Amino acid sequence: QVHEAARRCLGPGQGELDRAAFEELFPWRTGWAQAVLTEGLLVPAGAGYRFAHEEVGDWIQSTHLDLDAALRALVHRWHAEPEEDGGRVP
């Protein structure tokens, strides 16, 4: 469940797990939600939850990261095709 939570945090947003996803992965009725929060793995953040220790979250998320897609999103989106007059599109 922790790996799935990390994978879902990679989606849109600020690296948070929304409440519905949290409750799906860590149901309150089974005690998982309380255990995760009591142990300090995840903490409330805005309208959802995030990893309490950013480094741990980053490490777990890295196992689910599509490196090619991440590089395209982070690097290549800033380099647009040159315009016909030789200028760059910002």
N, C-alpha and C. Protein backbone atom coordinates (compact mmCIF):
# COMPACT_ATOMS: atom_id res chain seq x y z
N GLN A 1 0.81 -1.19 0.00
CA GLN A 1 0.00 0.00 0.00
C GLN A 1 0.86 1.26 0.00
N VAL A 2 2.00 1.23 0.67
CA VAL A 2 2.87 2.39 0.73
C VAL A 2 3.43 2.70 -0.66
N HIS A 3 3.82 1.68 -1.39
CA HIS A 3 4.33 1.90 -2.75
C HIS A 3 3.23 2.45 -3.66
N GLU A 4 2.03 1.96 -3.51
CA GLU A 4 0.92 2.46 -4.32
C GLU A 4 0.62 3.91 -3.94
N ALA A 5 0.69 4.24 -2.68
CA ALA A 5 0.49 5.63 -2.24
C ALA A 5 1.55 6.53 -2.87
N ALA A 6 2.79 6.09 -2.89
CA ALA A 6 3.88 6.87 -3.48
C ALA A 6 3.64 7.06 -4.97
N ARG A 7 3.21 6.01 -5.65
CA ARG A 7 2.94 6.11 -7.09
C ARG A 7 1.84 7.12 -7.35
N ARG A 8 0.80 7.09 -6.56
CA ARG A 8 -0.32 8.01 -6.76
C ARG A 8 0.07 9.46 -6.43
N CYS A 9 1.01 9.64 -5.55
CA CYS A 9 1.49 11.00 -5.23
C CYS A 9 2.23 11.62 -6.41
N LEU A 10 2.67 10.82 -7.36
CA LEU A 10 3.36 11.34 -8.53
C LEU A 10 2.43 12.01 -9.52
N GLY A 11 1.13 11.84 -9.34
CA GLY A 11 0.17 12.41 -10.26
C GLY A 11 0.05 13.92 -10.10
N PRO A 12 -1.00 14.49 -10.68
CA PRO A 12 -1.20 15.93 -10.60
C PRO A 12 -1.31 16.39 -9.15
N GLY A 13 -0.91 17.60 -8.92
CA GLY A 13 -0.97 18.14 -7.57
C GLY A 13 0.41 18.41 -7.02
N GLN A 14 0.48 18.53 -5.73
CA GLN A 14 1.73 18.89 -5.07
C GLN A 14 2.34 17.72 -4.32
N GLY A 15 2.22 16.53 -4.86
CA GLY A 15 2.79 15.35 -4.22
C GLY A 15 1.98 14.84 -3.06
N GLU A 16 0.70 15.16 -3.09
CA GLU A 16 -0.20 14.72 -2.03
C GLU A 16 -1.06 13.55 -2.49
N LEU A 17 -1.53 12.82 -1.52
CA LEU A 17 -2.47 11.73 -1.74
C LEU A 17 -3.82 12.24 -1.29
N ASP A 18 -4.81 12.29 -2.19
CA ASP A 18 -6.11 12.82 -1.79
C ASP A 18 -6.77 11.89 -0.78
N ARG A 19 -7.76 12.41 -0.08
CA ARG A 19 -8.41 11.65 1.00
C ARG A 19 -9.04 10.35 0.51
N ALA A 20 -9.68 10.39 -0.65
CA ALA A 20 -10.32 9.18 -1.17
C ALA A 20 -9.29 8.09 -1.44
N ALA A 21 -8.16 8.46 -2.05
CA ALA A 21 -7.10 7.48 -2.32
C ALA A 21 -6.50 6.97 -1.02
N PHE A 22 -6.28 7.87 -0.06
CA PHE A 22 -5.75 7.46 1.24
C PHE A 22 -6.66 6.42 1.89
N GLU A 23 -7.96 6.71 1.91
CA GLU A 23 -8.90 5.79 2.55
C GLU A 23 -9.07 4.49 1.78
N GLU A 24 -8.85 4.54 0.47
CA GLU A 24 -8.89 3.32 -0.33
C GLU A 24 -7.69 2.43 0.01
N LEU A 25 -6.51 3.04 0.13
CA LEU A 25 -5.29 2.27 0.40
C LEU A 25 -5.13 1.89 1.87
N PHE A 26 -5.58 2.77 2.76
CA PHE A 26 -5.42 2.56 4.20
C PHE A 26 -6.77 2.72 4.88
N PRO A 27 -7.64 1.70 4.78
CA PRO A 27 -9.00 1.82 5.32
C PRO A 27 -9.00 2.05 6.83
N TRP A 28 -9.87 2.98 7.25
CA TRP A 28 -10.00 3.25 8.69
C TRP A 28 -10.56 2.03 9.42
N ARG A 29 -11.48 1.32 8.78
CA ARG A 29 -12.14 0.19 9.45
C ARG A 29 -11.18 -0.94 9.81
N THR A 30 -10.08 -1.04 9.08
CA THR A 30 -9.12 -2.12 9.36
C THR A 30 -7.98 -1.68 10.27
N GLY A 31 -7.93 -0.36 10.56
CA GLY A 31 -6.88 0.14 11.43
C GLY A 31 -5.64 0.63 10.70
N TRP A 32 -5.59 0.43 9.37
CA TRP A 32 -4.42 0.84 8.61
C TRP A 32 -4.22 2.35 8.62
N ALA A 33 -5.28 3.11 8.46
CA ALA A 33 -5.16 4.57 8.43
C ALA A 33 -4.57 5.08 9.73
N GLN A 34 -5.11 4.62 10.83
CA GLN A 34 -4.60 5.06 12.14
C GLN A 34 -3.14 4.65 12.33
N ALA A 35 -2.79 3.46 11.89
CA ALA A 35 -1.41 2.99 12.04
C ALA A 35 -0.44 3.84 11.22
N VAL A 36 -0.80 4.15 9.99
CA VAL A 36 0.06 4.95 9.12
C VAL A 36 0.27 6.35 9.71
N LEU A 37 -0.81 6.93 10.25
CA LEU A 37 -0.71 8.26 10.83
C LEU A 37 0.02 8.24 12.17
N THR A 38 -0.25 7.25 13.00
CA THR A 38 0.40 7.15 14.31
C THR A 38 1.90 6.94 14.16
N GLU A 39 2.30 6.12 13.21
CA GLU A 39 3.72 5.87 12.99
C GLU A 39 4.41 7.03 12.28
N GLY A 40 3.64 7.98 11.79
CA GLY A 40 4.22 9.15 11.16
C GLY A 40 4.73 8.92 9.75
N LEU A 41 4.21 7.91 9.08
CA LEU A 41 4.61 7.68 7.70
C LEU A 41 4.00 8.75 6.80
N LEU A 42 2.72 8.98 6.96
CA LEU A 42 2.00 10.03 6.24
C LEU A 42 1.42 11.00 7.26
N VAL A 43 1.26 12.25 6.84
CA VAL A 43 0.68 13.28 7.70
C VAL A 43 -0.37 14.05 6.91
N PRO A 44 -1.37 14.59 7.62
CA PRO A 44 -2.37 15.42 6.92
C PRO A 44 -1.69 16.62 6.26
N ALA A 45 -2.15 16.96 5.06
CA ALA A 45 -1.61 18.10 4.32
C ALA A 45 -2.70 18.65 3.42
N GLY A 46 -3.18 19.82 3.72
CA GLY A 46 -4.24 20.41 2.90
C GLY A 46 -5.46 19.53 2.88
N ALA A 47 -5.89 19.18 1.69
CA ALA A 47 -7.09 18.34 1.53
C ALA A 47 -6.75 16.86 1.47
N GLY A 48 -5.50 16.50 1.74
CA GLY A 48 -5.10 15.10 1.65
C GLY A 48 -4.00 14.76 2.63
N TYR A 49 -3.07 13.95 2.17
CA TYR A 49 -1.96 13.48 3.01
C TYR A 49 -0.68 13.49 2.18
N ARG A 50 0.45 13.60 2.84
CA ARG A 50 1.75 13.54 2.18
C ARG A 50 2.68 12.73 3.07
N PHE A 51 3.81 12.31 2.50
CA PHE A 51 4.80 11.60 3.28
C PHE A 51 5.39 12.55 4.31
N ALA A 52 5.52 12.10 5.54
CA ALA A 52 6.03 12.95 6.62
C ALA A 52 7.47 13.35 6.37
N HIS A 53 8.25 12.45 5.86
CA HIS A 53 9.66 12.72 5.56
C HIS A 53 9.81 12.74 4.05
N GLU A 54 10.05 13.92 3.51
CA GLU A 54 10.12 14.11 2.07
C GLU A 54 11.13 13.18 1.41
N GLU A 55 12.25 12.95 2.06
CA GLU A 55 13.29 12.10 1.48
C GLU A 55 12.80 10.66 1.32
N VAL A 56 12.06 10.18 2.29
CA VAL A 56 11.52 8.82 2.22
C VAL A 56 10.50 8.75 1.08
N GLY A 57 9.63 9.76 1.00
CA GLY A 57 8.65 9.79 -0.08
C GLY A 57 9.32 9.83 -1.44
N ASP A 58 10.36 10.67 -1.57
CA ASP A 58 11.09 10.76 -2.84
C ASP A 58 11.72 9.43 -3.21
N TRP A 59 12.31 8.77 -2.22
CA TRP A 59 12.98 7.48 -2.46
C TRP A 59 11.98 6.44 -2.94
N ILE A 60 10.84 6.34 -2.28
CA ILE A 60 9.84 5.35 -2.68
C ILE A 60 9.24 5.72 -4.04
N GLN A 61 8.98 7.01 -4.25
CA GLN A 61 8.42 7.44 -5.52
C GLN A 61 9.38 7.18 -6.68
N SER A 62 10.67 7.28 -6.41
CA SER A 62 11.64 7.08 -7.49
C SER A 62 11.57 5.68 -8.09
N THR A 63 11.09 4.72 -7.33
CA THR A 63 10.97 3.37 -7.86
C THR A 63 9.82 3.26 -8.86
N HIS A 64 8.95 4.28 -8.89
CA HIS A 64 7.79 4.26 -9.78
C HIS A 64 7.87 5.34 -10.86
N LEU A 65 8.96 6.06 -10.91
CA LEU A 65 9.09 7.18 -11.82
C LEU A 65 9.44 6.71 -13.23
N ASP A 66 8.74 7.24 -14.20
CA ASP A 66 9.05 7.01 -15.61
C ASP A 66 10.06 8.08 -15.98
N LEU A 67 11.33 7.73 -15.99
CA LEU A 67 12.40 8.69 -16.17
C LEU A 67 12.32 9.43 -17.50
N ASP A 68 12.00 8.74 -18.58
CA ASP A 68 11.89 9.40 -19.88
C ASP A 68 10.79 10.47 -19.86
N ALA A 69 9.64 10.13 -19.31
CA ALA A 69 8.54 11.09 -19.25
C ALA A 69 8.89 12.26 -18.33
N ALA A 70 9.56 11.97 -17.22
CA ALA A 70 9.94 13.04 -16.29
C ALA A 70 10.93 14.00 -16.94
N LEU A 71 11.91 13.46 -17.67
CA LEU A 71 12.87 14.33 -18.35
C LEU A 71 12.19 15.20 -19.40
N ARG A 72 11.26 14.60 -20.14
CA ARG A 72 10.53 15.40 -21.14
C ARG A 72 9.76 16.52 -20.45
N ALA A 73 9.12 16.22 -19.35
CA ALA A 73 8.31 17.22 -18.65
C ALA A 73 9.18 18.31 -18.02
N LEU A 74 10.32 17.93 -17.48
CA LEU A 74 11.16 18.89 -16.76
C LEU A 74 12.13 19.66 -17.65
N VAL A 75 12.65 19.02 -18.68
CA VAL A 75 13.70 19.64 -19.48
C VAL A 75 13.18 20.09 -20.84
N HIS A 76 12.62 19.18 -21.56
CA HIS A 76 12.29 19.44 -22.95
C HIS A 76 11.12 20.39 -23.13
N ARG A 77 10.25 20.53 -22.15
CA ARG A 77 9.12 21.44 -22.33
C ARG A 77 9.57 22.89 -22.37
N TRP A 78 10.75 23.18 -21.87
CA TRP A 78 11.26 24.55 -21.86
C TRP A 78 11.98 24.90 -23.17
N HIS A 79 12.23 23.93 -24.00
CA HIS A 79 12.91 24.16 -25.27
C HIS A 79 11.91 23.97 -26.40
N ALA A 80 11.32 25.07 -26.83
CA ALA A 80 10.33 25.00 -27.92
C ALA A 80 11.05 25.01 -29.26
N GLU A 81 10.34 24.63 -30.27
CA GLU A 81 10.89 24.65 -31.63
C GLU A 81 11.16 26.10 -32.03
N PRO A 82 12.26 26.38 -32.72
CA PRO A 82 12.55 27.74 -33.19
C PRO A 82 11.47 28.21 -34.16
N GLU A 83 11.16 29.51 -34.10
CA GLU A 83 10.20 30.08 -35.04
C GLU A 83 10.89 30.25 -36.40
N GLU A 84 10.11 30.54 -37.41
CA GLU A 84 10.66 30.67 -38.75
C GLU A 84 11.72 31.76 -38.84
N ASP A 85 11.59 32.85 -38.03
CA ASP A 85 12.56 33.93 -38.11
C ASP A 85 13.81 33.66 -37.28
N GLY A 86 13.94 32.45 -36.75
CA GLY A 86 15.12 32.07 -35.99
C GLY A 86 15.03 32.35 -34.51
N GLY A 87 13.93 32.93 -34.04
CA GLY A 87 13.78 33.21 -32.61
C GLY A 87 13.30 31.99 -31.86
N ARG A 88 13.34 32.08 -30.57
CA ARG A 88 12.85 30.98 -29.73
C ARG A 88 11.53 31.37 -29.11
N VAL A 89 10.68 30.42 -28.98
CA VAL A 89 9.42 30.61 -28.29
C VAL A 89 9.68 30.38 -26.82
N PRO A 90 9.32 31.32 -25.95
CA PRO A 90 9.62 31.14 -24.50
C PRO A 90 8.87 29.99 -23.90
